[in-house]
Amino acid sequence: MKFTLILAAVASTFGLFANAAPLEKRGVSSCYTGGKAAFTQYWIPKEGTTDMLNNGKVVQLTGSKNKSLKTPSGHVIAKVSSTTYEKCQMEGTCLLSDGTMINLDEGQNTFLVVNTKQHPYGLGSSDSISLHPWTSIASNDIKKGTTLYIKEIDGIKLPNGMTHNGCVRVDDESWSFNKCQLDWFVLMYETYDEIANKVGEHVKAVESNCKILDYVNQSTEKWLGGPGNLDAKPGKSHSDSSKKTTKKSSSKHSSTKKSSGKKSSTKKGHSTKKSSSRHHHKHHHHHNKRAATE
């Protein structure tokens, strides 16, 4: 009888764990789990739209196209306005009006063209990692691929109408900040503009078995080709190896235009300066230095 009761108690305990959500792990420092992690956002500047400079000034990425985006060999990818050029330098990734996506290559004055068939929303910390809108984050002291649950963004409504479940994954890194900071990839300036007052400058992040959701819908995909309203559609879950809009790439990838052909191991850069007083929030700039092979 006593043995039977013990078995029943064990079974009951396992049942409680099975129904608990999401299971926390112990692979993240107390700085994160204690709610002291600095929290910033980054996005892809898009030519022809509204954006924000490093000093918090809101600008239009338009104007006379008097600056050349060049590869290390001197090939001109495109000409853009000085404001657009500055944003491309600051963020490191930039989307041109014709749909071409570029990244910084070597230093802050040369660029490469991203293969958007393999990486529709840009590159993460290596050439084999794609960024995913609203689920990718950058960290310098958490292992790449780690899944985290951030309570402060659980329930936030995204511009496309979907609601975030608080689950994110470390896909990126930066050279401009050190430890105990998370940088959330929010895809576009509009997202930052809408949620800046809803998220604090510090968050609690715990390693978790939470489910990464796919927040990309048709309207989000259209953003790559031109401006448009984002329509709400239900999110879908996906695994690390499968995604509707992003194909897994090898360590080498080709660009749609001529590139340097060199590899860069330089981390992306993020500067965390205050934005306008209207938002009372920080954002950073993402220097994405990655080389493509032809």
Protein backbone atom coordinates (compact mmCIF):
# COMPACT_ATOMS: atom_id res chain seq x y z
CA MET A 1 0.00 0.00 0.00
CA LYS A 2 2.80 2.40 0.98
CA PHE A 3 4.67 1.64 -2.27
CA THR A 4 1.49 2.33 -4.27
CA LEU A 5 1.06 5.68 -2.52
CA ILE A 6 4.65 6.62 -3.29
CA LEU A 7 4.17 5.83 -6.99
CA ALA A 8 0.99 7.87 -7.04
CA ALA A 9 2.79 10.82 -5.48
CA VAL A 10 5.63 10.61 -8.01
CA ALA A 11 3.16 10.40 -10.91
CA SER A 12 1.30 13.40 -9.53
CA THR A 13 4.52 15.40 -9.28
CA PHE A 14 5.45 14.63 -12.89
CA GLY A 15 1.96 15.64 -13.93
CA LEU A 16 2.41 19.03 -12.30
CA PHE A 17 5.70 19.57 -14.15
CA ALA A 18 4.09 18.54 -17.43
CA ASN A 19 1.39 21.14 -17.03
CA ALA A 20 3.70 23.90 -15.81
CA ALA A 21 4.70 26.60 -18.30
CA PRO A 22 7.35 27.48 -19.46
CA LEU A 23 10.11 25.53 -17.66
CA GLU A 24 12.95 27.78 -16.49
CA LYS A 25 16.58 26.67 -16.78
CA ARG A 26 19.70 27.78 -14.94
CA GLY A 27 22.14 28.87 -17.68
CA VAL A 28 21.80 32.66 -17.39
CA SER A 29 23.54 34.93 -14.87
CA SER A 30 21.73 36.50 -11.93
CA CYS A 31 22.00 39.89 -13.61
CA TYR A 32 19.42 38.74 -16.13
CA THR A 33 17.26 36.70 -13.82
CA GLY A 34 17.29 39.50 -11.24
CA GLY A 35 15.70 42.01 -13.59
CA LYS A 36 18.78 44.19 -14.04
CA ALA A 37 19.48 43.51 -17.75
CA ALA A 38 19.62 46.65 -19.90
CA PHE A 39 17.06 46.42 -22.72
CA THR A 40 17.40 48.20 -26.06
CA GLN A 41 16.05 47.75 -29.57
CA TYR A 42 17.41 47.85 -33.10
CA TRP A 43 15.80 47.80 -36.54
CA ILE A 44 16.50 48.05 -40.27
CA PRO A 45 16.38 51.62 -41.64
CA LYS A 46 14.32 51.70 -44.82
CA GLU A 47 15.02 54.27 -47.52
CA GLY A 48 12.08 56.59 -48.11
CA THR A 49 10.56 56.17 -44.64
CA THR A 50 10.67 57.86 -41.23
CA ASP A 51 13.53 57.01 -38.87
CA MET A 52 15.53 58.35 -35.93
CA LEU A 53 19.11 59.55 -35.67
CA ASN A 54 21.44 58.70 -32.82
CA ASN A 55 20.61 61.97 -31.06
CA GLY A 56 16.88 61.17 -31.05
CA LYS A 57 15.99 63.46 -33.96
CA VAL A 58 13.23 62.04 -36.17
CA VAL A 59 14.12 62.29 -39.86
CA GLN A 60 12.94 61.22 -43.30
CA LEU A 61 15.28 58.92 -45.23
CA THR A 62 14.82 60.90 -48.41
CA GLY A 63 16.58 63.73 -50.25
CA SER A 64 19.20 64.25 -52.92
CA LYS A 65 21.12 61.05 -53.60
CA ASN A 66 24.65 62.38 -53.30
CA LYS A 67 26.35 59.60 -51.32
CA SER A 68 27.63 56.34 -52.81
CA LEU A 69 27.34 53.00 -51.06
CA LYS A 70 30.49 51.19 -52.15
CA THR A 71 32.02 47.76 -51.75
CA PRO A 72 35.69 47.50 -50.60
CA SER A 73 36.70 47.17 -54.26
CA GLY A 74 35.01 50.49 -55.09
CA HIS A 75 31.94 49.09 -56.83
CA VAL A 76 28.95 51.41 -56.31
CA ILE A 77 25.95 49.47 -55.03
CA ALA A 78 23.66 52.50 -55.04
CA LYS A 79 23.50 56.23 -54.36
CA VAL A 80 21.47 57.49 -51.41
CA SER A 81 20.87 60.71 -49.49
CA SER A 82 23.35 61.74 -46.80
CA THR A 83 20.75 61.02 -44.09
CA THR A 84 20.12 57.53 -45.44
CA TYR A 85 23.86 56.93 -45.68
CA GLU A 86 24.30 57.97 -42.05
CA LYS A 87 21.58 55.54 -40.92
CA CYS A 88 23.11 52.73 -42.96
CA GLN A 89 26.38 53.38 -41.16
CA MET A 90 24.78 53.65 -37.72
CA GLU A 91 22.57 50.58 -37.92
CA GLY A 92 24.83 48.52 -40.15
CA THR A 93 21.90 47.02 -42.06
CA CYS A 94 19.81 49.07 -44.45
CA LEU A 95 16.95 48.42 -46.89
CA LEU A 96 17.03 50.45 -50.09
CA SER A 97 13.95 51.61 -51.97
CA ASP A 98 14.46 49.00 -54.71
CA GLY A 99 14.40 46.19 -52.14
CA THR A 100 18.18 45.71 -51.94
CA MET A 101 19.40 44.99 -48.41
CA ILE A 102 22.94 46.02 -47.53
CA ASN A 103 25.24 45.45 -44.56
CA LEU A 104 28.41 47.15 -43.47
CA ASP A 105 31.40 45.18 -44.67
CA GLU A 106 34.80 46.46 -43.58
CA GLY A 107 34.89 49.49 -41.32
CA GLN A 108 32.05 52.00 -41.60
CA ASN A 109 32.48 53.08 -45.21
CA THR A 110 32.15 49.90 -47.26
CA PHE A 111 29.11 47.71 -47.76
CA LEU A 112 27.94 44.39 -49.15
CA VAL A 113 24.62 43.16 -50.54
CA VAL A 114 22.75 40.62 -48.40
CA ASN A 115 21.27 37.56 -50.07
CA THR A 116 17.68 38.09 -48.96
CA LYS A 117 16.59 34.72 -50.32
CA GLN A 118 18.65 33.18 -47.54
CA HIS A 119 18.38 36.01 -45.01
CA PRO A 120 15.19 38.02 -45.67
CA TYR A 121 15.62 40.17 -42.56
CA GLY A 122 19.40 40.30 -42.30
CA LEU A 123 22.28 38.41 -40.74
CA GLY A 124 22.83 37.52 -37.12
CA SER A 125 26.15 36.91 -35.38
CA SER A 126 27.44 34.70 -38.20
CA ASP A 127 26.82 34.11 -41.88
CA SER A 128 24.75 31.04 -41.05
CA ILE A 129 22.34 32.80 -38.68
CA SER A 130 19.34 34.74 -39.96
CA LEU A 131 17.61 37.41 -37.94
CA HIS A 132 13.91 36.89 -37.24
CA PRO A 133 11.63 39.88 -36.63
CA TRP A 134 10.57 40.30 -33.00
CA THR A 135 12.19 37.05 -31.82
CA SER A 136 15.92 37.63 -32.38
CA ILE A 137 17.95 39.36 -29.69
CA ALA A 138 21.62 40.26 -29.35
CA SER A 139 23.69 39.38 -26.28
CA ASN A 140 27.40 39.14 -25.61
CA ASP A 141 27.33 36.87 -22.57
CA ILE A 142 24.57 34.36 -23.34
CA LYS A 143 25.21 31.38 -25.61
CA LYS A 144 23.90 31.74 -29.15
CA GLY A 145 20.68 29.84 -29.72
CA THR A 146 19.58 30.20 -26.08
CA THR A 147 15.84 30.70 -25.70
CA LEU A 148 14.75 33.29 -23.14
CA TYR A 149 11.45 34.37 -21.66
CA ILE A 150 11.07 38.11 -21.03
CA LYS A 151 7.95 38.87 -19.04
CA GLU A 152 8.04 42.60 -19.89
CA ILE A 153 7.31 41.95 -23.59
CA ASP A 154 4.79 39.16 -23.03
CA GLY A 155 1.46 40.51 -24.23
CA ILE A 156 2.83 43.46 -26.20
CA LYS A 157 0.88 44.04 -29.41
CA LEU A 158 3.08 44.32 -32.50
CA PRO A 159 2.39 46.71 -35.42
CA ASN A 160 1.04 43.83 -37.51
CA GLY A 161 -1.62 43.12 -34.88
CA MET A 162 -0.03 40.01 -33.41
CA THR A 163 0.60 39.65 -29.69
CA HIS A 164 4.06 38.68 -28.45
CA ASN A 165 4.40 35.73 -26.07
CA GLY A 166 7.63 36.96 -24.46
CA CYS A 167 9.81 34.25 -25.99
CA VAL A 168 13.02 35.28 -27.80
CA ARG A 169 16.27 33.67 -28.95
CA VAL A 170 19.89 34.87 -28.90
CA ASP A 171 20.85 35.18 -32.58
CA ASP A 172 23.17 38.17 -32.49
CA GLU A 173 25.94 40.01 -30.63
CA SER A 174 27.55 43.45 -30.44
CA TRP A 175 30.92 45.05 -29.81
CA SER A 176 29.56 48.33 -28.41
CA PHE A 177 28.17 47.02 -25.13
CA ASN A 178 29.49 44.48 -22.67
CA LYS A 179 27.54 42.13 -20.42
CA CYS A 180 24.04 42.08 -18.99
CA GLN A 181 22.33 43.71 -21.95
CA LEU A 182 19.77 42.47 -24.44
CA ASP A 183 19.11 44.05 -27.80
CA TRP A 184 15.73 43.22 -29.35
CA PHE A 185 15.42 43.09 -33.15
CA VAL A 186 12.11 44.88 -33.83
CA LEU A 187 12.54 45.03 -37.64
CA MET A 188 11.33 48.58 -38.28
CA TYR A 189 11.38 52.01 -36.69
CA GLU A 190 7.57 51.94 -36.49
CA THR A 191 7.77 49.11 -33.97
CA TYR A 192 10.14 51.03 -31.74
CA ASP A 193 7.99 54.14 -32.05
CA GLU A 194 4.89 52.22 -30.97
CA ILE A 195 6.30 50.18 -28.08
CA ALA A 196 9.00 52.44 -26.63
CA ASN A 197 6.78 53.61 -23.78
CA LYS A 198 5.53 50.09 -23.06
CA VAL A 199 8.89 48.50 -22.21
CA GLY A 200 11.29 49.69 -19.53
CA GLU A 201 15.04 50.13 -19.83
CA HIS A 202 15.69 47.02 -17.73
CA VAL A 203 14.07 43.59 -17.93
CA LYS A 204 14.13 40.18 -16.33
CA ALA A 205 15.18 37.37 -18.68
CA VAL A 206 15.20 33.68 -17.79
CA GLU A 207 16.35 30.74 -19.87
CA SER A 208 13.23 28.82 -20.76
CA ASN A 209 11.71 26.11 -22.93
CA CYS A 210 9.14 28.64 -24.17
CA LYS A 211 7.95 28.42 -27.76
CA ILE A 212 9.39 30.76 -30.41
CA LEU A 213 6.55 32.09 -32.56
CA ASP A 214 6.67 33.26 -36.16
CA TYR A 215 5.37 36.82 -36.30
CA VAL A 216 5.92 37.23 -40.04
CA ASN A 217 2.76 37.52 -42.13
CA GLN A 218 2.07 38.70 -45.68
CA SER A 219 2.06 42.34 -44.68
CA THR A 220 5.38 41.96 -42.91
CA GLU A 221 6.85 40.40 -46.04
CA LYS A 222 5.51 43.29 -48.12
CA TRP A 223 7.51 45.65 -45.94
CA LEU A 224 10.63 44.38 -47.70
CA GLY A 225 9.35 45.62 -51.05
CA GLY A 226 7.51 48.80 -50.15
CA PRO A 227 5.58 50.70 -47.47
CA GLY A 228 2.16 49.44 -46.40
CA ASN A 229 -0.06 48.81 -43.43
CA LEU A 230 0.57 45.71 -41.38
CA ASP A 231 -2.45 43.42 -41.08
CA ALA A 232 -3.08 41.17 -38.09
CA LYS A 233 -2.98 37.43 -38.63
CA PRO A 234 -2.45 34.59 -36.13
CA GLY A 235 1.15 33.72 -35.35
CA LYS A 236 2.61 30.32 -36.09
CA SER A 237 5.15 28.33 -34.15
CA HIS A 238 8.34 27.20 -35.83
CA SER A 239 11.49 25.31 -34.99
CA ASP A 240 15.06 26.50 -35.38
CA SER A 241 15.42 24.49 -38.58
CA SER A 242 12.23 25.46 -40.38
CA LYS A 243 10.64 28.81 -41.17
CA LYS A 244 8.30 29.94 -43.89
CA THR A 245 10.26 32.98 -44.98
CA THR A 246 13.84 32.13 -44.01
CA LYS A 247 15.89 29.27 -45.36
CA LYS A 248 18.79 27.82 -43.43
CA SER A 249 22.05 28.82 -45.04
CA SER A 250 25.56 27.45 -45.01
CA SER A 251 28.56 29.37 -43.72
CA LYS A 252 28.97 30.79 -47.21
CA HIS A 253 26.30 32.67 -49.09
CA SER A 254 26.14 34.56 -52.32
CA SER A 255 24.91 38.09 -52.79
CA THR A 256 22.78 39.33 -55.63
CA LYS A 257 25.40 41.93 -56.53
CA LYS A 258 29.16 42.15 -56.42
CA SER A 259 30.64 42.01 -52.93
CA SER A 260 34.09 41.95 -51.35
CA GLY A 261 34.34 38.18 -51.13
CA LYS A 262 36.05 38.57 -47.77
CA LYS A 263 34.96 37.28 -44.41
CA SER A 264 34.73 39.57 -41.41
CA SER A 265 34.75 38.39 -37.82
CA THR A 266 34.00 41.85 -36.45
CA LYS A 267 31.03 41.97 -34.13
CA LYS A 268 28.12 44.25 -34.86
CA GLY A 269 28.08 47.55 -33.03
CA HIS A 270 25.34 49.01 -30.88
CA SER A 271 25.46 52.42 -29.29
CA THR A 272 22.95 52.97 -26.54
CA LYS A 273 22.12 56.65 -26.54
CA LYS A 274 18.93 58.22 -25.30
CA SER A 275 16.21 58.79 -27.82
CA SER A 276 13.85 61.75 -27.78
CA SER A 277 12.29 62.72 -24.46
CA ARG A 278 8.95 61.70 -25.90
CA HIS A 279 9.91 58.05 -25.62
CA HIS A 280 12.08 58.06 -22.49
CA HIS A 281 13.75 54.94 -23.81
CA LYS A 282 17.04 53.81 -25.24
CA HIS A 283 17.74 52.47 -28.68
CA HIS A 284 21.03 51.52 -30.24
CA HIS A 285 22.62 51.40 -33.62
CA HIS A 286 23.61 48.14 -35.15
CA HIS A 287 26.87 47.99 -37.12
CA ASN A 288 26.47 44.78 -39.07
CA LYS A 289 29.84 43.86 -40.53
CA ARG A 290 29.49 40.73 -42.58
CA ALA A 291 31.06 39.70 -45.87
CA ALA A 292 29.38 37.69 -48.60
CA THR A 293 31.02 35.34 -51.07
CA GLU A 294 30.18 35.39 -54.69
